[in-house]
Amino acid sequence: MNDWRWMTAARLGDGIAAGEIDPVALTETFLEAIDGHPRSRQIYARVTPERARQEAAAAAGRARAGQRRSRLDGVPVSWKDLFDTAGTVTEAGSALLKGRVPDEDAQVLRNATEAGLVCLGKTNMSELAFSGLGLNPVMGTPVCVHDPRAVAGGSSSGAAASVAFGLAAAAIGSDTAGSVRVPAAWNDLVGLRPGHGALSLRGAVPLCPRFDTVGPLARTVEDAALVYTALGARLPQGCADLPQAASGEGALDGCRFVIPERALEALSRGAEAAFDAACARLRDAGARIEPQALPEVSEALELATTLFAPEAYGIWRETIEANPDAMFDQILLRFRGGAGIGAADYVAAWHRMDALRVMYRERTAAFDGALLPTVPILPPLIERLTEDSDYYGWANLMTLRNTRIGSLLDLAGVTVPAGHPSCGLLLQMPGGCEPALLGTAARIEAILNPARRRT
């Protein structure tokens, strides 16, 4: 039974279907692990054992009756604490929302519950989702699975840690500028950011609604596809059940990928080595990989501060300024950074960004996707982030630089483990191409991490 905590969600679901795994026993295994784990309070903001047991019992009844609702019916997952949960406190990692209890589940939670997924509880996160680091001295800071001195990445920090430490079979997070992809990469998981609008944001505490997305963190691309479907995505028949992808020579014959050169600037030594090694393996499998300048990428990044912070501050200004002392000072600083951006500059930046999105798609149309190091640096140490505000600011910007590219240009992205601890390889395609993205990511995963797909 202890092995259940480390199986893929797909394998657990198949075990339930075959009568080998009881959803009630499976859920108790995870609840006991959460209760006994020394870092569970850093990872989980709150656990929902009564709901989990009720949902597991219902899933067990459906399994006995041959009426399972999805391949993941009965599989326990965690939810980032910005998804409304009826009758359960949902605070989005902030004391500003202390004691907030929604009346209804978020739409994606309702969809997942209808598909039979079991809700274990709500995971900690960066305050109001406005940081890629995951440091939250107010509500709790989950740590990186590879180094307890380092952050897990954010803002879906607890979501990643819940899976990486075996306290959930998969997790649901949100991604505005990298908040699924960063913690997935730093904890050797798969993270999916679908294109904007692919999944409902109803009942999700907002940060920047024009960029906010919902996405899964999981052990494999197959798991990510299955959870994505359970959340309400409409994929072609069979896409969520990805076929076993070939992993040897010629597996990527005919595939052509572009690397935005801006994404290769100022990489840490470890991130650079991991990316180079991963690309070499993909080339050995037949891929053509071509670095290019892509000026649209550089220009989009220059517009980032004019777009993210003003929207976030515009939404949260009244709440923040009513009680600013309740906030972590670094997050408060980020929000207030949007106060000085004029309306004309904001509108002009969006007008230009819309044009850049079209230009990028036209320039990269001949490629099967873009490849990037998911994060340019390795997980920073908590102590230094806490003591050095300048370092915090630099580390946060560097952490989100590459993932911001996809958010700004409305690209869907999947990060897969690159083969070195806390390093991910990010594959990006235009939003709306999620089926092709997941299929190609599964082929890349089979080359870089063949053993993980069979766990």
Protein backbone atom coordinates (compact mmCIF):
# COMPACT_ATOMS: atom_id res chain seq x y z
CA MET A 1 0.00 0.00 0.00
CA ASN A 2 2.87 2.41 0.65
CA ASP A 3 3.75 2.01 -3.04
CA TRP A 4 0.42 3.61 -3.92
CA ARG A 5 1.81 7.00 -2.88
CA TRP A 6 4.42 6.85 -5.64
CA MET A 7 2.36 5.36 -8.45
CA THR A 8 1.14 7.48 -11.33
CA ALA A 9 -2.46 8.62 -11.18
CA ALA A 10 -3.18 6.59 -14.32
CA ARG A 11 -1.81 3.43 -12.71
CA LEU A 12 -3.90 4.03 -9.58
CA GLY A 13 -7.01 4.54 -11.68
CA ASP A 14 -6.34 1.38 -13.65
CA GLY A 15 -5.84 -0.50 -10.40
CA ILE A 16 -9.24 0.69 -9.19
CA ALA A 17 -10.83 -0.40 -12.46
CA ALA A 18 -9.24 -3.85 -12.17
CA GLY A 19 -10.44 -4.30 -8.58
CA GLU A 20 -6.86 -4.29 -7.26
CA ILE A 21 -7.13 -0.97 -5.39
CA ASP A 22 -9.95 0.11 -3.10
CA PRO A 23 -10.53 3.91 -3.38
CA VAL A 24 -11.31 4.08 0.35
CA ALA A 25 -8.07 2.35 1.33
CA LEU A 26 -6.20 4.48 -1.19
CA THR A 27 -7.59 7.69 0.25
CA GLU A 28 -6.81 6.58 3.82
CA THR A 29 -3.24 5.87 2.75
CA PHE A 30 -2.83 9.43 1.57
CA LEU A 31 -4.64 10.93 4.57
CA GLU A 32 -2.42 8.95 6.96
CA ALA A 33 0.67 10.04 5.06
CA ILE A 34 -0.39 13.68 5.28
CA ASP A 35 -1.14 13.36 8.99
CA GLY A 36 2.25 11.80 9.69
CA HIS A 37 4.46 13.84 7.40
CA PRO A 38 6.76 16.32 9.19
CA ARG A 39 6.19 19.00 6.53
CA SER A 40 2.48 18.53 5.94
CA ARG A 41 1.53 21.84 7.58
CA GLN A 42 3.89 23.67 5.25
CA ILE A 43 2.43 21.84 2.26
CA TYR A 44 -1.30 21.75 3.11
CA ALA A 45 -3.15 24.85 4.25
CA ARG A 46 -5.95 22.54 5.35
CA VAL A 47 -6.97 18.92 4.76
CA THR A 48 -10.57 17.88 3.96
CA PRO A 49 -10.76 14.32 5.36
CA GLU A 50 -14.57 14.14 5.63
CA ARG A 51 -15.06 15.19 2.03
CA ALA A 52 -12.28 12.87 0.87
CA ARG A 53 -13.77 9.85 2.65
CA GLN A 54 -17.25 10.53 1.31
CA GLU A 55 -15.97 10.90 -2.23
CA ALA A 56 -13.79 7.79 -1.93
CA ALA A 57 -16.72 5.73 -0.66
CA ALA A 58 -18.85 6.90 -3.59
CA ALA A 59 -16.05 6.03 -6.01
CA ALA A 60 -15.74 2.57 -4.46
CA GLY A 61 -19.47 2.00 -4.97
CA ARG A 62 -19.25 3.06 -8.61
CA ALA A 63 -16.28 0.76 -9.16
CA ARG A 64 -18.18 -2.22 -7.73
CA ALA A 65 -21.18 -1.40 -9.93
CA GLY A 66 -19.08 -0.96 -13.07
CA GLN A 67 -20.13 2.70 -13.32
CA ARG A 68 -16.83 4.55 -13.03
CA ARG A 69 -17.03 8.09 -14.38
CA SER A 70 -13.47 8.45 -15.67
CA ARG A 71 -10.15 6.69 -15.64
CA LEU A 72 -9.22 8.68 -12.53
CA ASP A 73 -12.46 7.97 -10.64
CA GLY A 74 -11.38 7.38 -7.03
CA VAL A 75 -7.88 8.89 -7.33
CA PRO A 76 -6.99 11.42 -4.56
CA VAL A 77 -5.63 14.85 -5.58
CA SER A 78 -4.82 18.16 -3.92
CA TRP A 79 -6.07 21.65 -4.76
CA LYS A 80 -4.24 24.96 -4.58
CA ASP A 81 -5.83 27.19 -1.96
CA LEU A 82 -7.25 29.67 -4.45
CA PHE A 83 -9.92 27.32 -5.79
CA ASP A 84 -13.18 27.90 -3.96
CA THR A 85 -14.31 24.90 -1.93
CA ALA A 86 -17.84 25.03 -0.57
CA GLY A 87 -17.83 25.28 3.23
CA THR A 88 -14.02 25.15 3.43
CA VAL A 89 -11.80 28.14 4.11
CA THR A 90 -10.11 29.39 0.95
CA GLU A 91 -7.57 32.15 1.62
CA ALA A 92 -5.24 32.17 -1.43
CA GLY A 93 -2.23 32.18 0.87
CA SER A 94 -3.05 35.59 2.31
CA ALA A 95 -4.07 36.91 5.70
CA LEU A 96 -6.10 39.50 3.77
CA LEU A 97 -8.62 36.71 3.11
CA LYS A 98 -8.41 35.10 6.53
CA GLY A 99 -11.52 33.06 7.31
CA ARG A 100 -13.01 33.41 3.81
CA VAL A 101 -15.47 30.54 3.26
CA PRO A 102 -17.03 30.18 -0.22
CA ASP A 103 -20.56 28.88 -0.73
CA GLU A 104 -19.77 26.93 -3.91
CA ASP A 105 -16.97 24.88 -5.41
CA ALA A 106 -14.95 26.40 -8.21
CA GLN A 107 -16.12 25.18 -11.61
CA VAL A 108 -13.01 23.10 -12.22
CA LEU A 109 -13.41 21.47 -8.80
CA ARG A 110 -17.03 20.67 -9.62
CA ASN A 111 -15.93 19.15 -12.92
CA ALA A 112 -13.24 17.05 -11.26
CA THR A 113 -15.62 15.87 -8.56
CA GLU A 114 -18.11 14.85 -11.23
CA ALA A 115 -15.29 12.85 -12.88
CA GLY A 116 -14.72 11.08 -9.56
CA LEU A 117 -11.50 12.67 -8.35
CA VAL A 118 -11.15 12.73 -4.56
CA CYS A 119 -10.33 16.07 -2.89
CA LEU A 120 -7.67 15.62 -0.18
CA GLY A 121 -7.39 19.28 0.76
CA LYS A 122 -6.01 22.72 -0.08
CA THR A 123 -2.31 23.43 -0.56
CA ASN A 124 -0.24 26.43 0.46
CA MET A 125 0.89 28.96 -2.13
CA SER A 126 2.59 32.29 -2.68
CA GLU A 127 0.41 35.07 -1.32
CA LEU A 128 -2.38 35.84 -3.81
CA ALA A 129 -0.32 33.86 -6.35
CA PHE A 130 2.00 36.81 -7.04
CA SER A 131 5.46 35.19 -6.90
CA GLY A 132 7.33 32.43 -8.67
CA LEU A 133 9.37 31.49 -5.60
CA GLY A 134 6.79 30.05 -3.20
CA LEU A 135 8.15 31.81 -0.11
CA ASN A 136 5.25 32.58 2.22
CA PRO A 137 6.27 33.51 5.77
CA VAL A 138 2.66 34.29 6.67
CA MET A 139 0.92 31.01 5.78
CA GLY A 140 3.77 28.55 5.32
CA THR A 141 6.56 27.79 2.87
CA PRO A 142 6.74 24.35 1.25
CA VAL A 143 10.29 23.23 0.48
CA CYS A 144 11.93 21.74 -2.57
CA VAL A 145 11.90 17.95 -2.65
CA HIS A 146 15.66 17.95 -3.28
CA ASP A 147 16.73 20.48 -0.64
CA PRO A 148 14.79 21.37 2.53
CA ARG A 149 16.72 24.65 2.69
CA ALA A 150 15.30 25.79 -0.69
CA VAL A 151 11.91 27.00 -1.87
CA ALA A 152 9.65 24.71 -3.88
CA GLY A 153 8.77 27.33 -6.50
CA GLY A 154 5.53 29.20 -6.83
CA SER A 155 2.99 30.16 -6.75
CA SER A 156 1.66 26.55 -6.75
CA SER A 157 4.30 25.58 -4.20
CA GLY A 158 2.22 23.29 -2.01
CA ALA A 159 0.64 21.70 -5.07
CA ALA A 160 4.05 20.58 -6.33
CA ALA A 161 5.25 19.51 -2.89
CA SER A 162 2.10 17.45 -2.27
CA VAL A 163 2.91 15.27 -5.28
CA ALA A 164 6.69 15.28 -4.90
CA PHE A 165 6.50 14.14 -1.26
CA GLY A 166 3.89 11.47 -1.97
CA LEU A 167 0.99 13.29 -0.32
CA ALA A 168 -1.28 13.38 -3.41
CA ALA A 169 -1.43 11.46 -6.65
CA ALA A 170 -1.67 14.72 -8.63
CA ALA A 171 -2.36 18.37 -7.91
CA ILE A 172 -4.29 21.23 -9.43
CA GLY A 173 -2.66 24.65 -9.53
CA SER A 174 -2.97 27.92 -11.37
CA ASP A 175 -0.47 29.55 -13.71
CA THR A 176 -0.38 33.26 -14.52
CA ALA A 177 3.31 33.75 -15.38
CA GLY A 178 4.75 30.35 -14.47
CA SER A 179 3.04 29.24 -11.28
CA VAL A 180 2.47 25.63 -12.40
CA ARG A 181 5.54 25.23 -14.59
CA VAL A 182 8.14 26.57 -12.15
CA PRO A 183 7.29 24.39 -9.11
CA ALA A 184 6.79 21.38 -11.38
CA ALA A 185 10.28 21.85 -12.81
CA TRP A 186 11.98 22.39 -9.46
CA ASN A 187 10.36 19.25 -8.03
CA ASP A 188 10.91 16.98 -11.08
CA LEU A 189 7.24 16.86 -12.07
CA VAL A 190 5.23 17.44 -15.21
CA GLY A 191 3.31 20.72 -15.26
CA LEU A 192 0.79 21.85 -17.87
CA ARG A 193 -0.22 25.43 -18.60
CA PRO A 194 -3.00 25.28 -21.19
CA GLY A 195 -3.79 28.24 -23.37
CA HIS A 196 -5.70 31.06 -21.74
CA GLY A 197 -9.41 30.28 -21.55
CA ALA A 198 -9.05 26.53 -22.02
CA LEU A 199 -10.42 25.89 -18.52
CA SER A 200 -12.94 27.80 -16.45
CA LEU A 201 -11.68 30.37 -13.93
CA ARG A 202 -15.07 30.63 -12.23
CA GLY A 203 -14.54 30.31 -8.50
CA ALA A 204 -10.77 30.77 -8.69
CA VAL A 205 -9.38 33.72 -6.71
CA PRO A 206 -8.01 35.99 -9.46
CA LEU A 207 -4.59 37.55 -9.90
CA CYS A 208 -4.51 38.74 -13.52
CA PRO A 209 -7.59 37.36 -15.30
CA ARG A 210 -6.18 38.13 -18.75
CA PHE A 211 -3.29 35.77 -17.99
CA ASP A 212 -4.64 33.39 -15.32
CA THR A 213 -4.95 29.72 -16.26
CA VAL A 214 -5.64 26.44 -14.47
CA GLY A 215 -3.30 23.48 -14.85
CA PRO A 216 -2.28 20.12 -13.35
CA LEU A 217 0.99 19.06 -11.73
CA ALA A 218 1.62 15.35 -12.03
CA ARG A 219 4.19 12.57 -12.31
CA THR A 220 3.78 12.00 -16.05
CA VAL A 221 2.42 13.66 -19.17
CA GLU A 222 -0.30 11.01 -19.28
CA ASP A 223 -1.41 11.94 -15.77
CA ALA A 224 -1.42 15.63 -16.68
CA ALA A 225 -3.61 14.90 -19.72
CA LEU A 226 -6.04 12.84 -17.65
CA VAL A 227 -6.38 15.51 -14.96
CA TYR A 228 -6.69 18.22 -17.60
CA THR A 229 -9.62 16.34 -19.11
CA ALA A 230 -11.23 15.84 -15.70
CA LEU A 231 -11.06 19.60 -15.10
CA GLY A 232 -13.31 20.17 -18.08
CA ALA A 233 -10.99 20.32 -21.09
CA ARG A 234 -12.39 19.18 -24.38
CA LEU A 235 -9.79 16.95 -26.04
CA PRO A 236 -10.23 14.71 -29.08
CA GLN A 237 -11.24 11.14 -28.31
CA GLY A 238 -8.28 9.19 -26.96
CA CYS A 239 -5.99 12.18 -26.45
CA ALA A 240 -6.18 11.94 -22.66
CA ASP A 241 -5.06 8.30 -22.85
CA LEU A 242 -1.71 8.92 -24.48
CA PRO A 243 -0.20 5.93 -26.27
CA GLN A 244 3.16 4.59 -25.20
CA ALA A 245 5.65 6.75 -27.08
CA ALA A 246 8.79 5.36 -28.68
CA SER A 247 11.97 6.44 -26.92
CA GLY A 248 14.82 5.29 -29.15
CA GLU A 249 16.63 6.48 -32.24
CA GLY A 250 14.27 8.09 -34.74
CA ALA A 251 11.50 8.71 -32.21
CA LEU A 252 11.45 12.40 -33.14
CA ASP A 253 12.27 12.10 -36.84
CA GLY A 254 10.66 14.95 -38.70
CA CYS A 255 10.24 17.13 -35.60
CA ARG A 256 11.67 20.64 -35.77
CA PHE A 257 11.90 22.83 -32.67
CA VAL A 258 12.99 26.42 -32.16
CA ILE A 259 14.85 27.75 -29.12
CA PRO A 260 14.25 31.44 -28.36
CA GLU A 261 17.77 32.72 -27.75
CA ARG A 262 16.53 35.11 -25.05
CA ALA A 263 15.62 32.07 -22.96
CA LEU A 264 19.27 30.98 -22.92
CA GLU A 265 20.66 34.19 -21.43
CA ALA A 266 22.21 34.17 -17.94
CA LEU A 267 21.43 30.53 -17.20
CA SER A 268 22.86 29.05 -14.04
CA ARG A 269 25.49 26.41 -14.70
CA GLY A 270 23.20 23.56 -13.64
CA ALA A 271 20.24 24.75 -15.71
CA GLU A 272 22.44 25.21 -18.77
CA ALA A 273 24.04 21.77 -18.46
CA ALA A 274 20.67 20.08 -18.03
CA PHE A 275 19.15 21.84 -21.03
CA ASP A 276 22.13 21.09 -23.27
CA ALA A 277 22.10 17.42 -22.27
CA ALA A 278 18.34 17.13 -22.86
CA CYS A 279 18.58 18.74 -26.29
CA ALA A 280 21.43 16.41 -27.21
CA ARG A 281 19.26 13.40 -26.40
CA LEU A 282 16.40 14.80 -28.46
CA ARG A 283 18.74 15.39 -31.38
CA ASP A 284 19.93 11.78 -31.07
CA ALA A 285 16.27 10.79 -31.40
CA GLY A 286 15.97 12.66 -34.67
CA ALA A 287 14.84 16.15 -33.66
CA ARG A 288 16.07 19.27 -35.42
CA ILE A 289 16.60 22.03 -32.85
CA GLU A 290 17.41 25.56 -34.00
CA PRO A 291 18.20 28.56 -31.78
CA GLN A 292 16.79 31.82 -33.18
CA ALA A 293 16.67 35.42 -32.00
CA LEU A 294 12.84 35.78 -32.21
CA PRO A 295 12.61 39.55 -31.54
CA GLU A 296 8.94 39.18 -30.55
CA VAL A 297 10.06 37.29 -27.45
CA SER A 298 12.40 40.04 -26.29
CA GLU A 299 9.85 42.76 -26.94
CA ALA A 300 7.12 40.83 -25.13
CA LEU A 301 9.31 40.46 -22.04
CA GLU A 302 9.96 44.20 -22.02
CA LEU A 303 6.21 44.79 -21.78
CA ALA A 304 5.67 42.39 -18.88
CA THR A 305 5.85 44.91 -16.04
CA THR A 306 3.37 47.17 -17.84
CA LEU A 307 0.83 44.36 -18.06
CA PHE A 308 0.97 42.07 -15.01
CA ALA A 309 1.28 44.42 -12.03
CA PRO A 310 -1.34 47.04 -13.06
CA GLU A 311 -4.00 44.38 -13.59
CA ALA A 312 -3.17 42.69 -10.30
CA TYR A 313 -3.13 45.93 -8.36
CA GLY A 314 -6.30 47.16 -10.03
CA ILE A 315 -8.13 44.06 -8.79
CA TRP A 316 -6.65 44.00 -5.27
CA ARG A 317 -5.94 47.67 -4.49
CA GLU A 318 -8.93 48.28 -2.24
CA THR A 319 -8.39 45.09 -0.22
CA ILE A 320 -4.63 45.61 0.05
CA GLU A 321 -4.67 49.25 1.07
CA ALA A 322 -7.30 48.56 3.73
CA ASN A 323 -4.79 46.31 5.55
CA PRO A 324 -1.31 46.42 3.94
CA ASP A 325 0.47 45.36 7.15
CA ALA A 326 -1.13 41.93 6.85
CA MET A 327 0.90 41.18 3.73
CA PHE A 328 4.37 39.75 3.17
CA ASP A 329 6.34 42.89 2.29
CA GLN A 330 7.83 41.49 -0.91
CA ILE A 331 4.39 40.64 -2.31
CA LEU A 332 3.02 44.02 -1.24
CA LEU A 333 5.89 45.66 -3.14
CA ARG A 334 5.05 43.70 -6.28
CA PHE A 335 1.40 44.69 -6.18
CA ARG A 336 2.14 48.36 -5.55
CA GLY A 337 4.46 48.30 -8.54
CA GLY A 338 1.35 48.49 -10.67
CA ALA A 339 0.15 51.74 -9.12
CA GLY A 340 2.36 53.95 -11.26
CA ILE A 341 1.43 52.53 -14.66
CA GLY A 342 -0.91 54.87 -16.53
CA ALA A 343 -4.01 53.68 -18.31
CA ALA A 344 -2.71 54.84 -21.69
CA ASP A 345 0.53 52.89 -21.24
CA TYR A 346 -1.39 49.79 -20.20
CA VAL A 347 -3.73 49.95 -23.20
CA ALA A 348 -0.86 50.63 -25.58
CA ALA A 349 1.08 47.67 -24.17
CA TRP A 350 -1.87 45.34 -24.73
CA HIS A 351 -2.33 46.65 -28.26
CA ARG A 352 1.31 45.85 -29.01
CA MET A 353 1.14 42.47 -27.26
CA ASP A 354 -1.79 41.41 -29.42
CA ALA A 355 0.30 42.21 -32.49
CA LEU A 356 3.34 40.38 -31.10
CA ARG A 357 1.25 37.26 -30.56
CA VAL A 358 0.29 37.20 -34.23
CA MET A 359 3.86 37.90 -35.33
CA TYR A 360 5.25 35.13 -33.13
CA ARG A 361 2.81 32.55 -34.46
CA GLU A 362 3.64 33.49 -38.04
CA ARG A 363 7.39 33.38 -37.44
CA THR A 364 7.28 29.98 -35.73
CA ALA A 365 4.59 28.33 -37.85
CA ALA A 366 7.11 26.00 -39.53
CA PHE A 367 8.23 24.54 -36.19
CA ASP A 368 6.63 21.79 -34.11
CA GLY A 369 7.10 23.85 -30.98
CA ALA A 370 9.60 25.83 -28.94
CA LEU A 371 12.01 24.36 -26.41
CA LEU A 372 13.31 26.30 -23.40
CA PRO A 373 14.90 25.67 -20.01
CA THR A 374 11.80 25.91 -17.83
CA VAL A 375 13.58 27.97 -15.19
CA PRO A 376 16.94 29.75 -15.74
CA ILE A 377 18.12 29.15 -12.17
CA LEU A 378 17.96 26.42 -9.53
CA PRO A 379 15.81 26.77 -6.38
CA PRO A 380 17.10 29.60 -4.16
CA LEU A 381 17.69 29.13 -0.44
CA ILE A 382 14.94 30.28 1.89
CA GLU A 383 17.34 31.98 4.30
CA ARG A 384 18.87 34.22 1.64
CA LEU A 385 15.49 35.12 0.16
CA THR A 386 14.28 36.09 3.62
CA GLU A 387 17.31 38.18 4.55
CA ASP A 388 18.16 39.90 1.26
CA SER A 389 15.30 41.83 -0.36
CA ASP A 390 17.35 42.74 -3.43
CA TYR A 391 18.19 39.09 -4.00
CA TYR A 392 14.52 38.17 -3.59
CA GLY A 393 13.56 40.63 -6.32
CA TRP A 394 16.28 39.38 -8.69
CA ALA A 395 15.53 35.72 -8.02
CA ASN A 396 11.80 36.17 -8.58
CA LEU A 397 12.30 37.89 -11.94
CA MET A 398 14.83 35.30 -13.10
CA THR A 399 12.65 32.42 -11.95
CA LEU A 400 9.72 33.60 -14.06
CA ARG A 401 11.59 34.93 -17.09
CA ASN A 402 11.24 31.93 -19.38
CA THR A 403 7.74 30.89 -18.35
CA ARG A 404 6.55 34.48 -18.80
CA ILE A 405 7.31 34.14 -22.50
CA GLY A 406 4.51 31.62 -22.92
CA SER A 407 2.09 33.59 -20.78
CA LEU A 408 2.69 36.84 -22.65
CA LEU A 409 2.44 35.27 -26.10
CA ASP A 410 -0.55 33.03 -25.16
CA LEU A 411 1.28 29.75 -25.59
CA ALA A 412 0.34 26.45 -24.00
CA GLY A 413 3.30 24.77 -22.32
CA VAL A 414 4.33 21.50 -20.72
CA THR A 415 7.43 21.15 -18.57
CA VAL A 416 8.92 17.67 -18.21
CA PRO A 417 11.89 16.65 -16.05
CA ALA A 418 15.07 17.27 -18.05
CA GLY A 419 17.01 14.45 -16.42
CA HIS A 420 18.83 16.51 -13.76
CA PRO A 421 17.36 17.41 -10.32
CA SER A 422 15.21 20.56 -10.29
CA CYS A 423 15.64 21.15 -14.03
CA GLY A 424 12.78 21.07 -16.50
CA LEU A 425 12.50 21.16 -20.27
CA LEU A 426 9.62 23.38 -21.41
CA LEU A 427 7.79 22.62 -24.67
CA GLN A 428 5.53 25.40 -25.94
CA MET A 429 2.94 25.62 -28.72
CA PRO A 430 0.19 28.16 -29.45
CA GLY A 431 -2.85 28.04 -27.18
CA GLY A 432 -5.46 25.75 -28.71
CA CYS A 433 -2.85 23.15 -29.68
CA GLU A 434 -3.03 21.26 -26.38
CA PRO A 435 -3.62 17.81 -27.98
CA ALA A 436 -0.52 18.14 -30.16
CA LEU A 437 1.40 19.62 -27.23
CA LEU A 438 0.59 16.69 -24.94
CA GLY A 439 1.34 14.13 -27.62
CA THR A 440 4.75 15.62 -28.42
CA ALA A 441 5.54 16.09 -24.74
CA ALA A 442 4.82 12.39 -24.18
CA ARG A 443 7.35 11.51 -26.88
CA ILE A 444 9.94 13.80 -25.30
CA GLU A 445 9.21 12.34 -21.86
CA ALA A 446 9.76 8.82 -23.21
CA ILE A 447 13.22 9.87 -24.37
CA LEU A 448 14.30 11.82 -21.29
CA ASN A 449 12.54 9.79 -18.56
CA PRO A 450 11.43 6.40 -19.95
CA ALA A 451 11.13 4.70 -16.54
CA ARG A 452 8.71 7.30 -15.08
CA ARG A 453 5.96 6.44 -17.56
CA ARG A 454 5.73 2.87 -16.27
CA THR A 455 5.58 3.59 -12.53
